[in-house]
Amino acid sequence: QVQLVESGGGLVQAGGSLRLSCAASGRTFSSYAMGWFRQAPGKEREFVAAISYSGAYTHYADSAKGRFTISRDNAKNTVYLQMNSLKPEDTAVYYCAAEILNGIPRLDLVPLDYWGQGTQVTVSS
């Protein structure tokens, strides 16, 4: 079992930055690939970024490439999403997810067992 708690969301102007954190419970955090998804009002949840259990591999949605960076600290049971050059279209609830998965963390292609409750990110124009 893994419990996930996101934090770090808020209101930021376009062009600004935010860093989201996702704290995980449990002793097996380092066994899980971790990912970030988002859901804007009236839209389906979409994949943003993922990182392998060791941190060796990352995978990004096209919308995140070059602007967002996912990282993890297994000693702190935490995964991060650094978001730079934010745009109004990045406004959404951001969710953290976890899954046991080896290799390239294609969390956009597999069912995910564990989700956080989400944190709101609002980017004003």
N, C-alpha and C. Protein backbone atom coordinates (compact mmCIF):
# COMPACT_ATOMS: atom_id res chain seq x y z
N GLN A 1 0.83 -1.19 0.00
CA GLN A 1 0.00 0.00 0.00
C GLN A 1 0.87 1.24 0.00
N VAL A 2 0.46 2.20 -0.79
CA VAL A 2 1.15 3.48 -0.84
C VAL A 2 0.10 4.57 -0.72
N GLN A 3 0.33 5.52 0.17
CA GLN A 3 -0.53 6.70 0.25
C GLN A 3 0.26 7.91 -0.22
N LEU A 4 -0.40 8.73 -1.00
CA LEU A 4 0.27 9.85 -1.66
C LEU A 4 -0.41 11.16 -1.28
N VAL A 5 0.38 12.16 -0.95
CA VAL A 5 -0.15 13.47 -0.58
C VAL A 5 0.62 14.54 -1.35
N GLU A 6 -0.11 15.27 -2.19
CA GLU A 6 0.50 16.33 -2.98
C GLU A 6 0.46 17.66 -2.23
N SER A 7 1.38 18.53 -2.58
CA SER A 7 1.41 19.89 -2.04
C SER A 7 2.16 20.77 -3.02
N GLY A 8 2.07 22.08 -2.80
CA GLY A 8 2.83 23.02 -3.60
C GLY A 8 2.04 23.75 -4.66
N GLY A 9 0.78 23.41 -4.82
CA GLY A 9 -0.02 24.11 -5.81
C GLY A 9 -0.32 25.53 -5.37
N GLY A 10 -0.90 26.30 -6.27
CA GLY A 10 -1.24 27.67 -5.93
C GLY A 10 -1.55 28.48 -7.17
N LEU A 11 -1.59 29.80 -6.97
CA LEU A 11 -1.87 30.75 -8.04
C LEU A 11 -0.56 31.42 -8.45
N VAL A 12 -0.30 31.43 -9.74
CA VAL A 12 0.93 32.03 -10.26
C VAL A 12 0.62 32.72 -11.58
N GLN A 13 1.36 33.75 -11.87
CA GLN A 13 1.18 34.44 -13.14
C GLN A 13 1.85 33.66 -14.28
N ALA A 14 1.35 33.87 -15.46
CA ALA A 14 1.96 33.25 -16.64
C ALA A 14 3.44 33.60 -16.70
N GLY A 15 4.24 32.61 -17.03
CA GLY A 15 5.68 32.78 -17.04
C GLY A 15 6.37 32.43 -15.74
N GLY A 16 5.58 32.25 -14.70
CA GLY A 16 6.14 31.94 -13.39
C GLY A 16 6.43 30.46 -13.22
N SER A 17 6.82 30.12 -11.99
CA SER A 17 7.22 28.75 -11.68
C SER A 17 6.54 28.27 -10.41
N LEU A 18 6.37 26.96 -10.32
CA LEU A 18 5.91 26.29 -9.12
C LEU A 18 6.63 24.96 -9.01
N ARG A 19 6.80 24.50 -7.79
CA ARG A 19 7.31 23.15 -7.57
C ARG A 19 6.30 22.36 -6.76
N LEU A 20 5.79 21.32 -7.35
CA LEU A 20 4.88 20.42 -6.66
C LEU A 20 5.67 19.31 -5.99
N SER A 21 5.15 18.88 -4.85
CA SER A 21 5.74 17.75 -4.13
C SER A 21 4.68 16.70 -3.91
N CYS A 22 5.12 15.48 -3.86
CA CYS A 22 4.23 14.35 -3.55
C CYS A 22 4.95 13.48 -2.54
N ALA A 23 4.44 13.47 -1.33
CA ALA A 23 5.02 12.67 -0.26
C ALA A 23 4.31 11.33 -0.18
N ALA A 24 5.09 10.27 -0.14
CA ALA A 24 4.53 8.92 -0.12
C ALA A 24 4.79 8.26 1.22
N SER A 25 3.82 7.50 1.67
CA SER A 25 4.00 6.69 2.87
C SER A 25 4.48 5.31 2.48
N GLY A 26 4.99 4.57 3.43
CA GLY A 26 5.40 3.20 3.15
C GLY A 26 6.89 3.07 2.94
N ARG A 27 7.38 1.88 3.22
CA ARG A 27 8.81 1.64 3.15
C ARG A 27 9.28 1.25 1.76
N THR A 28 8.33 1.06 0.82
CA THR A 28 8.70 0.54 -0.49
C THR A 28 8.61 1.60 -1.57
N PHE A 29 8.69 2.87 -1.18
CA PHE A 29 8.59 3.96 -2.15
C PHE A 29 9.57 3.78 -3.29
N SER A 30 10.77 3.36 -2.99
CA SER A 30 11.81 3.23 -4.01
C SER A 30 11.53 2.11 -5.00
N SER A 31 10.48 1.33 -4.78
CA SER A 31 10.11 0.27 -5.72
C SER A 31 9.12 0.75 -6.78
N TYR A 32 8.59 1.94 -6.60
CA TYR A 32 7.52 2.43 -7.46
C TYR A 32 8.00 3.46 -8.47
N ALA A 33 7.57 3.28 -9.71
CA ALA A 33 7.63 4.39 -10.64
C ALA A 33 6.57 5.40 -10.22
N MET A 34 6.89 6.68 -10.39
CA MET A 34 6.00 7.75 -9.95
C MET A 34 5.66 8.67 -11.12
N GLY A 35 4.47 9.23 -11.07
CA GLY A 35 4.09 10.09 -12.16
C GLY A 35 3.21 11.24 -11.71
N TRP A 36 3.09 12.21 -12.60
CA TRP A 36 2.19 13.34 -12.41
C TRP A 36 1.19 13.38 -13.57
N PHE A 37 -0.06 13.59 -13.21
CA PHE A 37 -1.14 13.76 -14.16
C PHE A 37 -1.86 15.05 -13.81
N ARG A 38 -2.68 15.54 -14.72
CA ARG A 38 -3.47 16.72 -14.43
C ARG A 38 -4.83 16.63 -15.09
N GLN A 39 -5.78 17.36 -14.49
CA GLN A 39 -7.13 17.40 -15.04
C GLN A 39 -7.65 18.82 -14.95
N ALA A 40 -7.92 19.38 -16.11
CA ALA A 40 -8.50 20.72 -16.20
C ALA A 40 -10.02 20.59 -16.19
N PRO A 41 -10.72 21.66 -15.80
CA PRO A 41 -12.18 21.61 -15.77
C PRO A 41 -12.76 21.22 -17.13
N GLY A 42 -13.64 20.25 -17.11
CA GLY A 42 -14.30 19.82 -18.33
C GLY A 42 -13.47 18.95 -19.24
N LYS A 43 -12.28 18.58 -18.80
CA LYS A 43 -11.39 17.76 -19.63
C LYS A 43 -11.03 16.47 -18.91
N GLU A 44 -10.56 15.50 -19.69
CA GLU A 44 -10.11 14.25 -19.11
C GLU A 44 -8.74 14.42 -18.45
N ARG A 45 -8.47 13.54 -17.51
CA ARG A 45 -7.15 13.54 -16.88
C ARG A 45 -6.10 13.18 -17.92
N GLU A 46 -4.99 13.89 -17.88
CA GLU A 46 -3.93 13.63 -18.85
C GLU A 46 -2.58 13.46 -18.17
N PHE A 47 -1.75 12.69 -18.81
CA PHE A 47 -0.40 12.43 -18.33
C PHE A 47 0.47 13.67 -18.48
N VAL A 48 1.36 13.89 -17.49
CA VAL A 48 2.29 15.00 -17.55
C VAL A 48 3.74 14.51 -17.58
N ALA A 49 4.12 13.71 -16.58
CA ALA A 49 5.52 13.28 -16.49
C ALA A 49 5.61 12.06 -15.58
N ALA A 50 6.67 11.28 -15.75
CA ALA A 50 6.89 10.11 -14.92
C ALA A 50 8.38 9.88 -14.74
N ILE A 51 8.70 9.16 -13.66
CA ILE A 51 10.10 8.87 -13.34
C ILE A 51 10.17 7.43 -12.85
N SER A 52 11.23 6.74 -13.24
CA SER A 52 11.39 5.35 -12.85
C SER A 52 11.70 5.24 -11.36
N TYR A 53 11.64 4.01 -10.84
CA TYR A 53 11.80 3.82 -9.39
C TYR A 53 13.17 4.29 -8.90
N SER A 54 14.19 4.18 -9.76
CA SER A 54 15.54 4.60 -9.36
C SER A 54 15.83 6.05 -9.72
N GLY A 55 14.99 6.62 -10.56
CA GLY A 55 15.25 7.97 -11.06
C GLY A 55 16.07 7.99 -12.33
N ALA A 56 16.45 6.81 -12.83
CA ALA A 56 17.32 6.76 -14.01
C ALA A 56 16.61 7.16 -15.29
N TYR A 57 15.30 6.91 -15.33
CA TYR A 57 14.53 7.20 -16.55
C TYR A 57 13.41 8.16 -16.24
N THR A 58 13.16 9.05 -17.21
CA THR A 58 12.01 9.94 -17.13
C THR A 58 11.26 9.92 -18.45
N HIS A 59 10.02 10.34 -18.39
CA HIS A 59 9.18 10.37 -19.59
C HIS A 59 8.22 11.55 -19.43
N TYR A 60 8.07 12.33 -20.50
CA TYR A 60 7.26 13.54 -20.44
C TYR A 60 6.23 13.58 -21.55
N ALA A 61 5.10 14.20 -21.26
CA ALA A 61 4.17 14.57 -22.30
C ALA A 61 4.78 15.70 -23.12
N ASP A 62 4.36 15.79 -24.36
CA ASP A 62 4.91 16.85 -25.22
C ASP A 62 4.68 18.23 -24.62
N SER A 63 3.55 18.40 -23.94
CA SER A 63 3.22 19.70 -23.37
C SER A 63 4.16 20.09 -22.22
N ALA A 64 4.84 19.11 -21.65
CA ALA A 64 5.71 19.35 -20.50
C ALA A 64 7.19 19.43 -20.87
N LYS A 65 7.55 18.90 -22.01
CA LYS A 65 8.96 18.85 -22.39
C LYS A 65 9.55 20.25 -22.48
N GLY A 66 10.73 20.40 -21.87
CA GLY A 66 11.43 21.68 -21.90
C GLY A 66 10.98 22.68 -20.86
N ARG A 67 9.85 22.42 -20.20
CA ARG A 67 9.35 23.35 -19.18
C ARG A 67 9.26 22.71 -17.81
N PHE A 68 8.90 21.43 -17.75
CA PHE A 68 8.71 20.72 -16.49
C PHE A 68 9.83 19.72 -16.28
N THR A 69 10.19 19.52 -15.02
CA THR A 69 11.19 18.51 -14.67
C THR A 69 10.69 17.69 -13.50
N ILE A 70 10.66 16.39 -13.68
CA ILE A 70 10.29 15.49 -12.60
C ILE A 70 11.55 14.94 -11.95
N SER A 71 11.51 14.82 -10.65
CA SER A 71 12.65 14.27 -9.91
C SER A 71 12.12 13.56 -8.67
N ARG A 72 12.99 12.82 -8.01
CA ARG A 72 12.58 12.12 -6.80
C ARG A 72 13.73 12.03 -5.82
N ASP A 73 13.37 11.93 -4.56
CA ASP A 73 14.33 11.72 -3.49
C ASP A 73 13.84 10.52 -2.70
N ASN A 74 14.43 9.38 -2.96
CA ASN A 74 13.95 8.15 -2.33
C ASN A 74 14.22 8.15 -0.82
N ALA A 75 15.20 8.90 -0.39
CA ALA A 75 15.47 8.98 1.05
C ALA A 75 14.36 9.74 1.77
N LYS A 76 13.68 10.63 1.04
CA LYS A 76 12.59 11.42 1.62
C LYS A 76 11.22 10.93 1.19
N ASN A 77 11.17 9.85 0.42
CA ASN A 77 9.89 9.32 -0.07
C ASN A 77 9.09 10.39 -0.79
N THR A 78 9.74 11.18 -1.60
CA THR A 78 9.08 12.31 -2.23
C THR A 78 9.45 12.40 -3.71
N VAL A 79 8.45 12.75 -4.50
CA VAL A 79 8.67 13.04 -5.92
C VAL A 79 8.26 14.49 -6.15
N TYR A 80 8.96 15.14 -7.06
CA TYR A 80 8.75 16.56 -7.31
C TYR A 80 8.41 16.79 -8.78
N LEU A 81 7.72 17.89 -9.02
CA LEU A 81 7.50 18.37 -10.38
C LEU A 81 7.82 19.86 -10.39
N GLN A 82 8.95 20.20 -10.97
CA GLN A 82 9.32 21.60 -11.13
C GLN A 82 8.71 22.11 -12.43
N MET A 83 7.88 23.13 -12.32
CA MET A 83 7.18 23.67 -13.48
C MET A 83 7.62 25.10 -13.72
N ASN A 84 8.22 25.33 -14.88
CA ASN A 84 8.69 26.66 -15.26
C ASN A 84 7.92 27.15 -16.48
N SER A 85 8.02 28.44 -16.73
CA SER A 85 7.36 29.04 -17.90
C SER A 85 5.90 28.63 -17.98
N LEU A 86 5.21 28.74 -16.88
CA LEU A 86 3.83 28.29 -16.82
C LEU A 86 2.92 29.11 -17.71
N LYS A 87 1.92 28.43 -18.26
CA LYS A 87 0.95 29.04 -19.17
C LYS A 87 -0.44 28.89 -18.58
N PRO A 88 -1.38 29.73 -18.97
CA PRO A 88 -2.75 29.57 -18.48
C PRO A 88 -3.32 28.18 -18.77
N GLU A 89 -2.92 27.58 -19.86
CA GLU A 89 -3.42 26.23 -20.19
C GLU A 89 -2.86 25.14 -19.29
N ASP A 90 -1.91 25.49 -18.43
CA ASP A 90 -1.43 24.53 -17.43
C ASP A 90 -2.33 24.48 -16.20
N THR A 91 -3.32 25.35 -16.15
CA THR A 91 -4.25 25.37 -15.03
C THR A 91 -5.00 24.05 -14.95
N ALA A 92 -4.92 23.41 -13.79
CA ALA A 92 -5.53 22.09 -13.60
C ALA A 92 -5.32 21.65 -12.16
N VAL A 93 -6.00 20.58 -11.81
CA VAL A 93 -5.66 19.85 -10.59
C VAL A 93 -4.58 18.84 -10.96
N TYR A 94 -3.50 18.86 -10.24
CA TYR A 94 -2.38 17.97 -10.51
C TYR A 94 -2.38 16.82 -9.51
N TYR A 95 -2.26 15.62 -10.05
CA TYR A 95 -2.31 14.40 -9.24
C TYR A 95 -1.00 13.64 -9.35
N CYS A 96 -0.62 13.07 -8.24
CA CYS A 96 0.53 12.18 -8.17
C CYS A 96 0.01 10.74 -8.25
N ALA A 97 0.78 9.87 -8.90
CA ALA A 97 0.39 8.47 -9.02
C ALA A 97 1.61 7.57 -8.88
N ALA A 98 1.36 6.33 -8.49
CA ALA A 98 2.44 5.37 -8.28
C ALA A 98 2.06 4.02 -8.84
N GLU A 99 3.07 3.33 -9.36
CA GLU A 99 2.85 1.99 -9.89
C GLU A 99 4.18 1.25 -9.90
N ILE A 100 4.14 -0.03 -9.63
CA ILE A 100 5.36 -0.84 -9.75
C ILE A 100 5.57 -1.13 -11.23
N LEU A 101 6.70 -0.63 -11.75
CA LEU A 101 6.94 -0.72 -13.18
C LEU A 101 8.44 -0.60 -13.39
N ASN A 102 8.98 -1.49 -14.22
CA ASN A 102 10.41 -1.44 -14.51
C ASN A 102 10.66 -0.72 -15.83
N GLY A 103 11.89 -0.26 -16.02
CA GLY A 103 12.28 0.34 -17.28
C GLY A 103 11.73 1.74 -17.47
N ILE A 104 11.50 2.10 -18.72
CA ILE A 104 10.98 3.43 -19.04
C ILE A 104 9.59 3.56 -18.39
N PRO A 105 9.39 4.61 -17.62
CA PRO A 105 8.16 4.71 -16.83
C PRO A 105 6.97 5.20 -17.66
N ARG A 106 6.42 4.32 -18.48
CA ARG A 106 5.28 4.69 -19.31
C ARG A 106 3.99 4.57 -18.50
N LEU A 107 3.88 5.41 -17.50
CA LEU A 107 2.69 5.39 -16.66
C LEU A 107 1.47 5.88 -17.43
N ASP A 108 1.71 6.46 -18.61
CA ASP A 108 0.58 6.87 -19.44
C ASP A 108 -0.05 5.68 -20.15
N LEU A 109 0.54 4.50 -20.08
CA LEU A 109 0.05 3.35 -20.83
C LEU A 109 -0.51 2.23 -19.95
N VAL A 110 -0.39 2.35 -18.62
CA VAL A 110 -0.79 1.25 -17.75
C VAL A 110 -1.81 1.72 -16.73
N PRO A 111 -2.65 0.80 -16.24
CA PRO A 111 -3.56 1.16 -15.14
C PRO A 111 -2.75 1.47 -13.89
N LEU A 112 -3.19 2.45 -13.14
CA LEU A 112 -2.45 2.88 -11.96
C LEU A 112 -3.25 2.60 -10.71
N ASP A 113 -2.58 2.03 -9.71
CA ASP A 113 -3.28 1.62 -8.50
C ASP A 113 -3.38 2.71 -7.44
N TYR A 114 -2.42 3.62 -7.42
CA TYR A 114 -2.35 4.57 -6.32
C TYR A 114 -2.34 6.01 -6.83
N TRP A 115 -3.22 6.81 -6.21
CA TRP A 115 -3.37 8.21 -6.58
C TRP A 115 -3.41 9.08 -5.33
N GLY A 116 -2.92 10.30 -5.48
CA GLY A 116 -3.10 11.29 -4.44
C GLY A 116 -4.42 12.01 -4.62
N GLN A 117 -4.68 12.97 -3.74
CA GLN A 117 -5.96 13.67 -3.75
C GLN A 117 -5.94 14.89 -4.67
N GLY A 118 -4.75 15.29 -5.10
CA GLY A 118 -4.63 16.39 -6.04
C GLY A 118 -4.31 17.72 -5.40
N THR A 119 -3.67 18.59 -6.17
CA THR A 119 -3.38 19.95 -5.73
C THR A 119 -3.65 20.89 -6.90
N GLN A 120 -4.32 21.99 -6.60
CA GLN A 120 -4.76 22.92 -7.64
C GLN A 120 -3.62 23.84 -8.07
N VAL A 121 -3.44 23.94 -9.37
CA VAL A 121 -2.51 24.91 -9.95
C VAL A 121 -3.32 25.83 -10.85
N THR A 122 -3.23 27.12 -10.60
CA THR A 122 -3.93 28.11 -11.40
C THR A 122 -2.92 29.12 -11.94
N VAL A 123 -2.91 29.27 -13.26
CA VAL A 123 -1.99 30.19 -13.91
C VAL A 123 -2.80 31.31 -14.53
N SER A 124 -2.57 32.52 -14.07
CA SER A 124 -3.31 33.67 -14.57
C SER A 124 -2.57 34.31 -15.73
N SER A 125 -3.34 34.88 -16.65
CA SER A 125 -2.74 35.50 -17.84
C SER A 125 -2.42 36.97 -17.59
